[in-house]
Amino acid sequence: MEKTPKIVRKSVNRPPTPDVAENQEKEPTRQELINIELIESGEKERLMELLRERLIECGWKDEMKALCRAFIKKKGRNNVTVDDLVHVMTPKGRASVPDSVKAELLQRIRTFLVSAAP
């Protein structure tokens, strides 16, 4: 009597069937709507320029530059990529933005939203 080889089928990982609602256009979130309004009005660029000025004035930019140089010196110039710098410096940079700069920008955004409200 001949033995038939057992056929082993591997399971296929298929994505779940999408709901009908997912196929329809999604409404933009409130944050997305605000971002669109900031861009279209030109306010986002003005806020970015204000942020650049404030970070230079308070010495944040020089502090970040010094941290980058120290990191590069420690690791060796040929052993550091831009991605390495971004990965290491981003959390430090965000955490070291002065509260006064954050508060000023937040106030400017609030003022813009009030003035842009219908």
Protein backbone atom coordinates (compact mmCIF):
# COMPACT_ATOMS: atom_id res chain seq x y z
CA MET A 1 0.00 0.00 0.00
CA GLU A 2 1.42 3.34 -1.12
CA LYS A 3 1.43 6.23 1.31
CA THR A 4 0.11 9.51 -0.10
CA PRO A 5 2.25 12.51 0.84
CA LYS A 6 0.46 14.96 3.07
CA ILE A 7 0.03 18.39 1.49
CA VAL A 8 0.78 21.20 3.90
CA ARG A 9 -0.86 24.49 3.07
CA LYS A 10 0.53 27.65 4.47
CA SER A 11 -1.92 30.22 5.70
CA VAL A 12 -2.18 33.35 3.65
CA ASN A 13 -2.03 36.61 5.55
CA ARG A 14 -4.66 38.77 3.97
CA PRO A 15 -5.58 42.24 5.09
CA PRO A 16 -9.03 42.50 6.63
CA THR A 17 -11.85 43.30 4.28
CA PRO A 18 -12.31 47.06 4.32
CA ASP A 19 -15.55 48.47 5.60
CA VAL A 20 -17.71 50.40 3.19
CA ALA A 21 -17.17 53.55 5.26
CA GLU A 22 -13.40 53.28 4.82
CA ASN A 23 -13.75 53.46 1.07
CA GLN A 24 -15.59 56.74 1.25
CA GLU A 25 -13.81 60.06 1.54
CA LYS A 26 -12.79 60.69 5.13
CA GLU A 27 -13.54 64.06 6.64
CA PRO A 28 -10.38 66.01 7.48
CA THR A 29 -9.66 66.27 11.19
CA ARG A 30 -9.84 69.58 13.01
CA GLN A 31 -6.03 69.65 13.17
CA GLU A 32 -5.81 69.09 9.40
CA LEU A 33 -8.30 71.89 8.77
CA ILE A 34 -6.33 74.28 10.97
CA ASN A 35 -3.10 73.34 9.22
CA ILE A 36 -4.68 73.97 5.81
CA GLU A 37 -5.92 77.39 6.95
CA LEU A 38 -2.49 78.29 8.38
CA ILE A 39 -0.79 77.35 5.10
CA GLU A 40 -3.30 79.03 2.78
CA SER A 41 -3.22 82.29 4.74
CA GLY A 42 0.57 82.38 4.89
CA GLU A 43 0.44 82.43 8.69
CA LYS A 44 2.36 79.17 9.00
CA GLU A 45 5.37 80.66 7.24
CA ARG A 46 5.18 83.78 9.43
CA LEU A 47 5.05 81.59 12.55
CA MET A 48 8.02 79.55 11.34
CA GLU A 49 10.03 82.73 10.79
CA LEU A 50 9.09 84.01 14.26
CA LEU A 51 10.18 80.67 15.74
CA ARG A 52 13.54 80.84 13.92
CA GLU A 53 14.12 84.38 15.23
CA ARG A 54 13.22 83.50 18.83
CA LEU A 55 15.37 80.36 18.85
CA ILE A 56 18.36 82.35 17.61
CA GLU A 57 17.73 85.17 20.13
CA CYS A 58 17.60 82.82 23.12
CA GLY A 59 20.73 80.90 22.11
CA TRP A 60 18.91 77.65 21.37
CA LYS A 61 20.38 77.37 17.87
CA ASP A 62 23.95 77.79 19.15
CA GLU A 63 23.30 75.26 21.91
CA MET A 64 22.05 72.69 19.37
CA LYS A 65 25.02 73.37 17.11
CA ALA A 66 27.41 72.77 20.03
CA LEU A 67 25.62 69.52 20.96
CA CYS A 68 25.87 68.32 17.35
CA ARG A 69 29.57 69.11 17.19
CA ALA A 70 30.20 67.32 20.50
CA PHE A 71 28.28 64.26 19.28
CA ILE A 72 30.23 64.19 16.00
CA LYS A 73 33.54 64.59 17.83
CA LYS A 74 32.65 61.76 20.23
CA LYS A 75 31.57 59.32 17.49
CA GLY A 76 34.08 60.36 14.86
CA ARG A 77 33.31 62.43 11.80
CA ASN A 78 33.16 59.46 9.44
CA ASN A 79 30.92 57.44 11.75
CA VAL A 80 27.96 59.82 11.95
CA THR A 81 25.14 60.23 9.46
CA VAL A 82 22.56 62.98 9.26
CA ASP A 83 19.96 60.42 10.35
CA ASP A 84 22.05 59.69 13.46
CA LEU A 85 22.13 63.39 14.31
CA VAL A 86 18.41 63.82 13.76
CA HIS A 87 17.62 60.75 15.88
CA VAL A 88 19.78 61.91 18.79
CA MET A 89 19.19 65.67 18.64
CA THR A 90 15.43 65.85 17.99
CA PRO A 91 14.33 64.87 21.52
CA LYS A 92 16.99 67.14 23.07
CA GLY A 93 16.04 70.02 20.81
CA ARG A 94 12.32 69.74 21.49
CA ALA A 95 12.85 69.48 25.23
CA SER A 96 15.11 72.53 25.34
CA VAL A 97 12.86 75.03 23.54
CA PRO A 98 12.17 77.72 26.16
CA ASP A 99 8.64 77.81 27.59
CA SER A 100 8.42 81.51 26.74
CA VAL A 101 8.92 80.73 23.03
CA LYS A 102 6.30 77.97 23.14
CA ALA A 103 3.85 80.28 24.93
CA GLU A 104 4.37 83.09 22.42
CA LEU A 105 3.76 80.78 19.46
CA LEU A 106 0.71 79.24 21.11
CA GLN A 107 -0.74 82.69 21.74
CA ARG A 108 -0.14 83.69 18.11
CA ILE A 109 -1.89 80.52 16.92
CA ARG A 110 -4.85 81.16 19.23
CA THR A 111 -5.13 84.75 18.01
CA PHE A 112 -5.05 83.53 14.41
CA LEU A 113 -7.76 80.94 15.06
CA VAL A 114 -10.02 83.51 16.70
CA SER A 115 -9.55 85.95 13.82
CA ALA A 116 -10.05 83.21 11.20
CA ALA A 117 -13.22 81.83 12.80
CA PRO A 118 -16.35 82.48 10.72
